[in-house]
Protein backbone atom coordinates (compact mmCIF):
# COMPACT_ATOMS: atom_id res chain seq x y z
CA UNK A 1 0.00 0.00 0.00
CA UNK A 2 2.78 2.42 0.94
CA UNK A 3 4.64 1.62 -2.28
CA UNK A 4 1.70 2.53 -4.55
CA UNK A 5 1.20 5.74 -2.55
CA UNK A 6 4.89 6.57 -3.06
CA UNK A 7 4.60 5.82 -6.79
CA UNK A 8 1.56 8.12 -7.02
CA UNK A 9 3.49 10.89 -5.22
CA UNK A 10 6.42 10.44 -7.60
CA UNK A 11 4.21 10.62 -10.68
CA UNK A 12 2.48 13.73 -9.29
CA UNK A 13 5.87 15.32 -8.59
CA UNK A 14 7.00 14.40 -12.09
CA UNK A 15 3.87 15.96 -13.62
CA UNK A 16 4.34 19.12 -11.53
CA UNK A 17 7.99 19.28 -12.56
CA UNK A 18 7.08 18.91 -16.25
CA UNK A 19 4.41 21.60 -15.90
CA UNK A 20 6.95 23.92 -14.28
CA UNK A 21 9.53 23.27 -16.98
CA UNK A 22 6.90 24.01 -19.65
CA UNK A 23 6.08 27.29 -17.86
CA UNK A 24 9.77 28.16 -17.60
CA UNK A 25 10.29 27.39 -21.31
CA UNK A 26 7.29 29.57 -22.19
CA UNK A 27 8.58 32.40 -20.02
CA UNK A 28 12.05 32.16 -21.55
CA UNK A 29 10.71 32.12 -25.10
CA UNK A 30 8.48 35.11 -24.27
CA UNK A 31 11.49 37.03 -22.93
CA UNK A 32 13.54 36.09 -26.02
CA UNK A 33 10.68 37.26 -28.26
CA UNK A 34 10.56 40.59 -26.36
CA UNK A 35 14.33 41.04 -26.70
CA UNK A 36 14.15 40.19 -30.41
CA UNK A 37 11.33 42.72 -30.91
CA UNK A 38 13.35 45.40 -29.09
CA UNK A 39 16.45 44.56 -31.13
CA UNK A 40 14.45 44.82 -34.37
CA UNK A 41 13.06 48.14 -33.16
CA UNK A 42 16.53 49.49 -32.35
CA UNK A 43 17.86 48.18 -35.67
CA UNK A 44 15.10 50.10 -37.50
CA UNK A 45 15.95 53.25 -35.54
CA UNK A 46 19.68 52.83 -36.24
CA UNK A 47 19.05 52.25 -39.96
CA UNK A 48 16.70 55.25 -40.15
CA UNK A 49 19.20 57.50 -38.39
CA UNK A 50 21.96 56.17 -40.66
CA UNK A 51 19.91 57.12 -43.73
CA UNK A 52 19.15 60.50 -42.12
CA UNK A 53 22.88 61.00 -41.40
CA UNK A 54 23.77 60.10 -45.00
CA UNK A 55 21.26 62.63 -46.33
CA UNK A 56 22.78 65.27 -44.02
CA UNK A 57 26.24 64.38 -45.33
CA UNK A 58 25.01 64.60 -48.95
CA UNK A 59 23.42 67.93 -48.09
CA UNK A 60 26.72 69.21 -46.66
CA UNK A 61 28.63 68.04 -49.75
CA UNK A 62 26.07 69.79 -51.94
CA UNK A 63 26.31 73.04 -49.91
CA UNK A 64 30.12 72.90 -49.92
CA UNK A 65 30.18 72.42 -53.70
CA UNK A 66 27.86 75.43 -54.14
CA UNK A 67 30.09 77.54 -51.85
CA UNK A 68 33.24 76.41 -53.70
CA UNK A 69 31.72 77.23 -57.07
CA UNK A 70 30.87 80.73 -55.80
CA UNK A 71 34.57 81.45 -55.07
CA UNK A 72 34.88 80.65 -51.37
CA UNK A 73 37.32 78.17 -49.84
CA UNK A 74 35.84 75.81 -47.30
CA UNK A 75 38.12 75.64 -44.26
CA UNK A 76 36.35 75.04 -40.92
CA UNK A 77 34.21 78.11 -41.52
CA UNK A 78 33.73 79.66 -44.95
CA UNK A 79 36.40 82.24 -45.68
CA UNK A 80 36.74 84.13 -48.98
CA UNK A 81 39.68 83.20 -51.21
CA UNK A 82 42.11 86.15 -51.51
PDB file of N, CA and C in Angstrom:
ATOM      1  N   UNK A   1       0.833  -1.205   0.000  1.00  0.00           N
ATOM      2  CA  UNK A   1       0.000   0.000   0.000  1.00  0.00           C
ATOM      3  C   UNK A   1       0.871   1.261   0.000  1.00  0.00           C
ATOM      4  N   UNK A   2       1.882   1.272   0.829  1.00  0.00           N
ATOM      5  CA  UNK A   2       2.778   2.424   0.935  1.00  0.00           C
ATOM      6  C   UNK A   2       3.546   2.640  -0.369  1.00  0.00           C
ATOM      7  N   UNK A   3       3.878   1.550  -1.034  1.00  0.00           N
ATOM      8  CA  UNK A   3       4.643   1.621  -2.283  1.00  0.00           C
ATOM      9  C   UNK A   3       3.833   2.296  -3.389  1.00  0.00           C
ATOM     10  N   UNK A   4       2.547   1.907  -3.509  1.00  0.00           N
ATOM     11  CA  UNK A   4       1.704   2.529  -4.552  1.00  0.00           C
ATOM     12  C   UNK A   4       1.467   4.007  -4.242  1.00  0.00           C
ATOM     13  N   UNK A   5       1.368   4.340  -2.968  1.00  0.00           N
ATOM     14  CA  UNK A   5       1.199   5.737  -2.550  1.00  0.00           C
ATOM     15  C   UNK A   5       2.446   6.557  -2.935  1.00  0.00           C
ATOM     16  N   UNK A   6       3.609   5.927  -2.721  1.00  0.00           N
ATOM     17  CA  UNK A   6       4.887   6.566  -3.060  1.00  0.00           C
ATOM     18  C   UNK A   6       4.999   6.754  -4.580  1.00  0.00           C
ATOM     19  N   UNK A   7       4.569   5.753  -5.318  1.00  0.00           N
ATOM     20  CA  UNK A   7       4.603   5.819  -6.788  1.00  0.00           C
ATOM     21  C   UNK A   7       3.678   6.933  -7.284  1.00  0.00           C
ATOM     22  N   UNK A   8       2.514   7.058  -6.650  1.00  0.00           N
ATOM     23  CA  UNK A   8       1.561   8.121  -7.017  1.00  0.00           C
ATOM     24  C   UNK A   8       2.170   9.493  -6.743  1.00  0.00           C
ATOM     25  N   UNK A   9       2.819   9.636  -5.572  1.00  0.00           N
ATOM     26  CA  UNK A   9       3.495  10.890  -5.220  1.00  0.00           C
ATOM     27  C   UNK A   9       4.566  11.237  -6.243  1.00  0.00           C
ATOM     28  N   UNK A  10       5.350  10.230  -6.635  1.00  0.00           N
ATOM     29  CA  UNK A  10       6.425  10.436  -7.598  1.00  0.00           C
ATOM     30  C   UNK A  10       5.872  10.891  -8.936  1.00  0.00           C
ATOM     31  N   UNK A  11       4.794  10.232  -9.387  1.00  0.00           N
ATOM     32  CA  UNK A  11       4.215  10.621 -10.677  1.00  0.00           C
ATOM     33  C   UNK A  11       3.603  12.023 -10.619  1.00  0.00           C
ATOM     34  N   UNK A  12       3.021  12.369  -9.464  1.00  0.00           N
ATOM     35  CA  UNK A  12       2.483  13.735  -9.285  1.00  0.00           C
ATOM     36  C   UNK A  12       3.614  14.766  -9.299  1.00  0.00           C
ATOM     37  N   UNK A  13       4.700  14.422  -8.609  1.00  0.00           N
ATOM     38  CA  UNK A  13       5.866  15.315  -8.587  1.00  0.00           C
ATOM     39  C   UNK A  13       6.434  15.478  -9.989  1.00  0.00           C
ATOM     40  N   UNK A  14       6.474  14.397 -10.729  1.00  0.00           N
ATOM     41  CA  UNK A  14       7.002  14.405 -12.086  1.00  0.00           C
ATOM     42  C   UNK A  14       6.126  15.300 -12.969  1.00  0.00           C
ATOM     43  N   UNK A  15       4.808  15.151 -12.840  1.00  0.00           N
ATOM     44  CA  UNK A  15       3.868  15.961 -13.622  1.00  0.00           C
ATOM     45  C   UNK A  15       4.024  17.441 -13.269  1.00  0.00           C
ATOM     46  N   UNK A  16       4.158  17.734 -11.985  1.00  0.00           N
ATOM     47  CA  UNK A  16       4.335  19.124 -11.531  1.00  0.00           C
ATOM     48  C   UNK A  16       5.642  19.689 -12.076  1.00  0.00           C
ATOM     49  N   UNK A  17       6.680  18.866 -12.056  1.00  0.00           N
ATOM     50  CA  UNK A  17       7.989  19.282 -12.559  1.00  0.00           C
ATOM     51  C   UNK A  17       7.915  19.582 -14.055  1.00  0.00           C
ATOM     52  N   UNK A  18       7.229  18.705 -14.797  1.00  0.00           N
ATOM     53  CA  UNK A  18       7.083  18.915 -16.248  1.00  0.00           C
ATOM     54  C   UNK A  18       6.291  20.182 -16.531  1.00  0.00           C
ATOM     55  N   UNK A  19       5.237  20.389 -15.746  1.00  0.00           N
ATOM     56  CA  UNK A  19       4.409  21.596 -15.905  1.00  0.00           C
ATOM     57  C   UNK A  19       5.250  22.848 -15.650  1.00  0.00           C
ATOM     58  N   UNK A  20       6.065  22.798 -14.596  1.00  0.00           N
ATOM     59  CA  UNK A  20       6.950  23.924 -14.281  1.00  0.00           C
ATOM     60  C   UNK A  20       7.959  24.165 -15.384  1.00  0.00           C
ATOM     61  N   UNK A  21       8.537  23.094 -15.925  1.00  0.00           N
ATOM     62  CA  UNK A  21       9.533  23.265 -16.985  1.00  0.00           C
ATOM     63  C   UNK A  21       8.888  23.838 -18.248  1.00  0.00           C
ATOM     64  N   UNK A  22       7.630  23.443 -18.511  1.00  0.00           N
ATOM     65  CA  UNK A  22       6.903  24.013 -19.653  1.00  0.00           C
ATOM     66  C   UNK A  22       6.678  25.513 -19.420  1.00  0.00           C
ATOM     67  N   UNK A  23       6.284  25.861 -18.211  1.00  0.00           N
ATOM     68  CA  UNK A  23       6.078  27.286 -17.857  1.00  0.00           C
ATOM     69  C   UNK A  23       7.369  28.076 -18.003  1.00  0.00           C
ATOM     70  N   UNK A  24       8.462  27.490 -17.517  1.00  0.00           N
ATOM     71  CA  UNK A  24       9.771  28.157 -17.602  1.00  0.00           C
ATOM     72  C   UNK A  24      10.158  28.347 -19.065  1.00  0.00           C
ATOM     73  N   UNK A  25       9.963  27.293 -19.876  1.00  0.00           N
ATOM     74  CA  UNK A  25      10.289  27.389 -21.309  1.00  0.00           C
ATOM     75  C   UNK A  25       9.454  28.469 -21.983  1.00  0.00           C
ATOM     76  N   UNK A  26       8.174  28.528 -21.639  1.00  0.00           N
ATOM     77  CA  UNK A  26       7.289  29.568 -22.192  1.00  0.00           C
ATOM     78  C   UNK A  26       7.761  30.951 -21.801  1.00  0.00           C
ATOM     79  N   UNK A  27       8.114  31.092 -20.521  1.00  0.00           N
ATOM     80  CA  UNK A  27       8.582  32.396 -20.015  1.00  0.00           C
ATOM     81  C   UNK A  27       9.863  32.813 -20.720  1.00  0.00           C
ATOM     82  N   UNK A  28      10.787  31.864 -20.879  1.00  0.00           N
ATOM     83  CA  UNK A  28      12.055  32.162 -21.548  1.00  0.00           C
ATOM     84  C   UNK A  28      11.810  32.552 -23.000  1.00  0.00           C
ATOM     85  N   UNK A  29      10.975  31.797 -23.692  1.00  0.00           N
ATOM     86  CA  UNK A  29      10.714  32.121 -25.102  1.00  0.00           C
ATOM     87  C   UNK A  29       9.995  33.464 -25.239  1.00  0.00           C
ATOM     88  N   UNK A  30       9.150  33.802 -24.261  1.00  0.00           N
ATOM     89  CA  UNK A  30       8.484  35.106 -24.266  1.00  0.00           C
ATOM     90  C   UNK A  30       9.512  36.226 -24.115  1.00  0.00           C
ATOM     91  N   UNK A  31      10.440  36.040 -23.169  1.00  0.00           N
ATOM     92  CA  UNK A  31      11.493  37.034 -22.927  1.00  0.00           C
ATOM     93  C   UNK A  31      12.363  37.185 -24.171  1.00  0.00           C
ATOM     94  N   UNK A  32      12.729  36.059 -24.795  1.00  0.00           N
ATOM     95  CA  UNK A  32      13.541  36.092 -26.018  1.00  0.00           C
ATOM     96  C   UNK A  32      12.798  36.837 -27.125  1.00  0.00           C
ATOM     97  N   UNK A  33      11.502  36.578 -27.245  1.00  0.00           N
ATOM     98  CA  UNK A  33      10.682  37.265 -28.258  1.00  0.00           C
ATOM     99  C   UNK A  33      10.663  38.767 -28.002  1.00  0.00           C
ATOM    100  N   UNK A  34      10.554  39.160 -26.722  1.00  0.00           N
ATOM    101  CA  UNK A  34      10.560  40.586 -26.360  1.00  0.00           C
ATOM    102  C   UNK A  34      11.894  41.232 -26.729  1.00  0.00           C
ATOM    103  N   UNK A  35      12.984  40.521 -26.399  1.00  0.00           N
ATOM    104  CA  UNK A  35      14.327  41.037 -26.700  1.00  0.00           C
ATOM    105  C   UNK A  35      14.495  41.174 -28.215  1.00  0.00           C
ATOM    106  N   UNK A  36      14.047  40.169 -28.949  1.00  0.00           N
ATOM    107  CA  UNK A  36      14.154  40.194 -30.415  1.00  0.00           C
ATOM    108  C   UNK A  36      13.364  41.366 -30.993  1.00  0.00           C
ATOM    109  N   UNK A  37      12.175  41.608 -30.442  1.00  0.00           N
ATOM    110  CA  UNK A  37      11.334  42.718 -30.909  1.00  0.00           C
ATOM    111  C   UNK A  37      12.032  44.052 -30.641  1.00  0.00           C
ATOM    112  N   UNK A  38      12.622  44.179 -29.435  1.00  0.00           N
ATOM    113  CA  UNK A  38      13.354  45.402 -29.088  1.00  0.00           C
ATOM    114  C   UNK A  38      14.551  45.596 -30.017  1.00  0.00           C
ATOM    115  N   UNK A  39      15.274  44.498 -30.257  1.00  0.00           N
ATOM    116  CA  UNK A  39      16.451  44.559 -31.130  1.00  0.00           C
ATOM    117  C   UNK A  39      16.047  45.002 -32.534  1.00  0.00           C
ATOM    118  N   UNK A  40      14.956  44.449 -33.036  1.00  0.00           N
ATOM    119  CA  UNK A  40      14.452  44.822 -34.366  1.00  0.00           C
ATOM    120  C   UNK A  40      14.071  46.295 -34.386  1.00  0.00           C
ATOM    121  N   UNK A  41      13.461  46.735 -33.307  1.00  0.00           N
ATOM    122  CA  UNK A  41      13.063  48.138 -33.159  1.00  0.00           C
ATOM    123  C   UNK A  41      14.283  49.046 -33.188  1.00  0.00           C
ATOM    124  N   UNK A  42      15.295  48.700 -32.386  1.00  0.00           N
ATOM    125  CA  UNK A  42      16.530  49.491 -32.352  1.00  0.00           C
ATOM    126  C   UNK A  42      17.226  49.478 -33.708  1.00  0.00           C
ATOM    127  N   UNK A  43      17.230  48.307 -34.358  1.00  0.00           N
ATOM    128  CA  UNK A  43      17.865  48.180 -35.674  1.00  0.00           C
ATOM    129  C   UNK A  43      17.194  49.133 -36.662  1.00  0.00           C
ATOM    130  N   UNK A  44      15.863  49.187 -36.616  1.00  0.00           N
ATOM    131  CA  UNK A  44      15.104  50.096 -37.496  1.00  0.00           C
ATOM    132  C   UNK A  44      15.488  51.546 -37.213  1.00  0.00           C
ATOM    133  N   UNK A  45      15.580  51.886 -35.932  1.00  0.00           N
ATOM    134  CA  UNK A  45      15.945  53.254 -35.536  1.00  0.00           C
ATOM    135  C   UNK A  45      17.360  53.576 -36.023  1.00  0.00           C
ATOM    136  N   UNK A  46      18.279  52.632 -35.817  1.00  0.00           N
ATOM    137  CA  UNK A  46      19.677  52.831 -36.244  1.00  0.00           C
ATOM    138  C   UNK A  46      19.740  53.018 -37.752  1.00  0.00           C
ATOM    139  N   UNK A  47      19.047  52.155 -38.488  1.00  0.00           N
ATOM    140  CA  UNK A  47      19.052  52.245 -39.960  1.00  0.00           C
ATOM    141  C   UNK A  47      18.457  53.582 -40.409  1.00  0.00           C
ATOM    142  N   UNK A  48      17.363  53.978 -39.787  1.00  0.00           N
ATOM    143  CA  UNK A  48      16.703  55.249 -40.152  1.00  0.00           C
ATOM    144  C   UNK A  48      17.637  56.425 -39.877  1.00  0.00           C
ATOM    145  N   UNK A  49      18.302  56.390 -38.726  1.00  0.00           N
ATOM    146  CA  UNK A  49      19.204  57.503 -38.393  1.00  0.00           C
ATOM    147  C   UNK A  49      20.418  57.491 -39.302  1.00  0.00           C
ATOM    148  N   UNK A  50      20.841  56.289 -39.723  1.00  0.00           N
ATOM    149  CA  UNK A  50      21.962  56.169 -40.660  1.00  0.00           C
ATOM    150  C   UNK A  50      21.596  56.825 -41.992  1.00  0.00           C
ATOM    151  N   UNK A  51      20.399  56.538 -42.472  1.00  0.00           N
ATOM    152  CA  UNK A  51      19.906  57.120 -43.731  1.00  0.00           C
ATOM    153  C   UNK A  51      19.811  58.644 -43.573  1.00  0.00           C
ATOM    154  N   UNK A  52      19.281  59.076 -42.425  1.00  0.00           N
ATOM    155  CA  UNK A  52      19.150  60.504 -42.125  1.00  0.00           C
ATOM    156  C   UNK A  52      20.539  61.154 -42.124  1.00  0.00           C
ATOM    157  N   UNK A  53      21.513  60.485 -41.474  1.00  0.00           N
ATOM    158  CA  UNK A  53      22.884  60.995 -41.400  1.00  0.00           C
ATOM    159  C   UNK A  53      23.481  61.110 -42.797  1.00  0.00           C
ATOM    160  N   UNK A  54      23.259  60.089 -43.623  1.00  0.00           N
ATOM    161  CA  UNK A  54      23.768  60.104 -45.001  1.00  0.00           C
ATOM    162  C   UNK A  54      23.193  61.279 -45.776  1.00  0.00           C
ATOM    163  N   UNK A  55      21.893  61.516 -45.610  1.00  0.00           N
ATOM    164  CA  UNK A  55      21.263  62.627 -46.333  1.00  0.00           C
ATOM    165  C   UNK A  55      21.824  63.962 -45.852  1.00  0.00           C
ATOM    166  N   UNK A  56      22.139  64.047 -44.545  1.00  0.00           N
ATOM    167  CA  UNK A  56      22.777  65.266 -44.017  1.00  0.00           C
ATOM    168  C   UNK A  56      24.148  65.430 -44.664  1.00  0.00           C
ATOM    169  N   UNK A  57      24.900  64.334 -44.719  1.00  0.00           N
ATOM    170  CA  UNK A  57      26.241  64.385 -45.325  1.00  0.00           C
ATOM    171  C   UNK A  57      26.153  64.814 -46.795  1.00  0.00           C
ATOM    172  N   UNK A  58      25.199  64.224 -47.537  1.00  0.00           N
ATOM    173  CA  UNK A  58      25.011  64.600 -48.945  1.00  0.00           C
ATOM    174  C   UNK A  58      24.650  66.077 -49.053  1.00  0.00           C
ATOM    175  N   UNK A  59      23.817  66.524 -48.147  1.00  0.00           N
ATOM    176  CA  UNK A  59      23.424  67.935 -48.093  1.00  0.00           C
ATOM    177  C   UNK A  59      24.629  68.823 -47.880  1.00  0.00           C
ATOM    178  N   UNK A  60      25.506  68.432 -46.946  1.00  0.00           N
ATOM    179  CA  UNK A  60      26.722  69.207 -46.664  1.00  0.00           C
ATOM    180  C   UNK A  60      27.612  69.255 -47.898  1.00  0.00           C
ATOM    181  N   UNK A  61      27.793  68.111 -48.539  1.00  0.00           N
ATOM    182  CA  UNK A  61      28.629  68.044 -49.746  1.00  0.00           C
ATOM    183  C   UNK A  61      28.062  68.975 -50.816  1.00  0.00           C
ATOM    184  N   UNK A  62      26.755  68.949 -50.966  1.00  0.00           N
ATOM    185  CA  UNK A  62      26.068  69.794 -51.943  1.00  0.00           C
ATOM    186  C   UNK A  62      26.295  71.269 -51.627  1.00  0.00           C
ATOM    187  N   UNK A  63      26.116  71.641 -50.345  1.00  0.00           N
ATOM    188  CA  UNK A  63      26.307  73.035 -49.915  1.00  0.00           C
ATOM    189  C   UNK A  63      27.757  73.461 -50.131  1.00  0.00           C
ATOM    190  N   UNK A  64      28.694  72.597 -49.753  1.00  0.00           N
ATOM    191  CA  UNK A  64      30.123  72.898 -49.918  1.00  0.00           C
ATOM    192  C   UNK A  64      30.454  73.122 -51.386  1.00  0.00           C
ATOM    193  N   UNK A  65      29.901  72.263 -52.262  1.00  0.00           N
ATOM    194  CA  UNK A  65      30.184  72.419 -53.701  1.00  0.00           C
ATOM    195  C   UNK A  65      29.607  73.732 -54.237  1.00  0.00           C
ATOM    196  N   UNK A  66      28.459  74.141 -53.735  1.00  0.00           N
ATOM    197  CA  UNK A  66      27.862  75.428 -54.139  1.00  0.00           C
ATOM    198  C   UNK A  66      28.768  76.571 -53.676  1.00  0.00           C
ATOM    199  N   UNK A  67      29.218  76.490 -52.406  1.00  0.00           N
ATOM    200  CA  UNK A  67      30.088  77.541 -51.851  1.00  0.00           C
ATOM    201  C   UNK A  67      31.389  77.612 -52.648  1.00  0.00           C
ATOM    202  N   UNK A  68      31.988  76.446 -52.932  1.00  0.00           N
ATOM    203  CA  UNK A  68      33.244  76.409 -53.703  1.00  0.00           C
ATOM    204  C   UNK A  68      33.047  77.040 -55.080  1.00  0.00           C
ATOM    205  N   UNK A  69      31.951  76.698 -55.710  1.00  0.00           N
ATOM    206  CA  UNK A  69      31.720  77.228 -57.068  1.00  0.00           C
ATOM    207  C   UNK A  69      31.476  78.740 -57.050  1.00  0.00           C
ATOM    208  N   UNK A  70      31.099  79.265 -55.874  1.00  0.00           N
ATOM    209  CA  UNK A  70      30.872  80.725 -55.804  1.00  0.00           C
ATOM    210  C   UNK A  70      32.126  81.484 -55.386  1.00  0.00           C
ATOM    211  N   UNK A  71      33.292  80.780 -55.317  1.00  0.00           N
ATOM    212  CA  UNK A  71      34.568  81.454 -55.071  1.00  0.00           C
ATOM    213  C   UNK A  71      35.014  81.506 -53.636  1.00  0.00           C
ATOM    214  N   UNK A  72      34.452  80.704 -52.771  1.00  0.00           N
ATOM    215  CA  UNK A  72      34.878  80.651 -51.372  1.00  0.00           C
ATOM    216  C   UNK A  72      35.635  79.357 -51.122  1.00  0.00           C
ATOM    217  N   UNK A  73      36.650  79.414 -50.251  1.00  0.00           N
ATOM    218  CA  UNK A  73      37.315  78.171 -49.841  1.00  0.00           C
ATOM    219  C   UNK A  73      36.588  77.661 -48.600  1.00  0.00           C
ATOM    220  N   UNK A  74      36.555  76.376 -48.448  1.00  0.00           N
ATOM    221  CA  UNK A  74      35.844  75.807 -47.301  1.00  0.00           C
ATOM    222  C   UNK A  74      36.891  75.257 -46.336  1.00  0.00           C
ATOM    223  N   UNK A  75      37.202  76.057 -45.319  1.00  0.00           N
ATOM    224  CA  UNK A  75      38.121  75.635 -44.264  1.00  0.00           C
ATOM    225  C   UNK A  75      37.436  75.955 -42.945  1.00  0.00           C
ATOM    226  N   UNK A  76      37.073  74.912 -42.193  1.00  0.00           N
ATOM    227  CA  UNK A  76      36.352  75.041 -40.923  1.00  0.00           C
ATOM    228  C   UNK A  76      35.127  75.939 -41.106  1.00  0.00           C
ATOM    229  N   UNK A  77      35.316  77.219 -41.177  1.00  0.00           N
ATOM    230  CA  UNK A  77      34.206  78.105 -41.524  1.00  0.00           C
ATOM    231  C   UNK A  77      34.521  78.687 -42.910  1.00  0.00           C
ATOM    232  N   UNK A  78      33.538  79.228 -43.556  1.00  0.00           N
ATOM    233  CA  UNK A  78      33.731  79.664 -44.945  1.00  0.00           C
ATOM    234  C   UNK A  78      34.450  81.015 -44.992  1.00  0.00           C
ATOM    235  N   UNK A  79      35.641  80.992 -45.545  1.00  0.00           N
ATOM    236  CA  UNK A  79      36.404  82.240 -45.676  1.00  0.00           C
ATOM    237  C   UNK A  79      36.629  82.539 -47.153  1.00  0.00           C
ATOM    238  N   UNK A  80      36.539  83.793 -47.552  1.00  0.00           N
ATOM    239  CA  UNK A  80      36.737  84.128 -48.976  1.00  0.00           C
ATOM    240  C   UNK A  80      38.176  83.868 -49.417  1.00  0.00           C
ATOM    241  N   UNK A  81      38.338  83.413 -50.651  1.00  0.00           N
ATOM    242  CA  UNK A  81      39.676  83.204 -51.212  1.00  0.00           C
ATOM    243  C   UNK A  81      40.238  84.552 -51.607  1.00  0.00           C
ATOM    244  N   UNK A  82      41.463  84.860 -51.160  1.00  0.00           N
ATOM    245  CA  UNK A  82      42.110  86.146 -51.511  1.00  0.00           C
ATOM    246  C   UNK A  82      43.090  85.919 -52.638  1.00  0.00           C
TER     247      UNK A  82
END
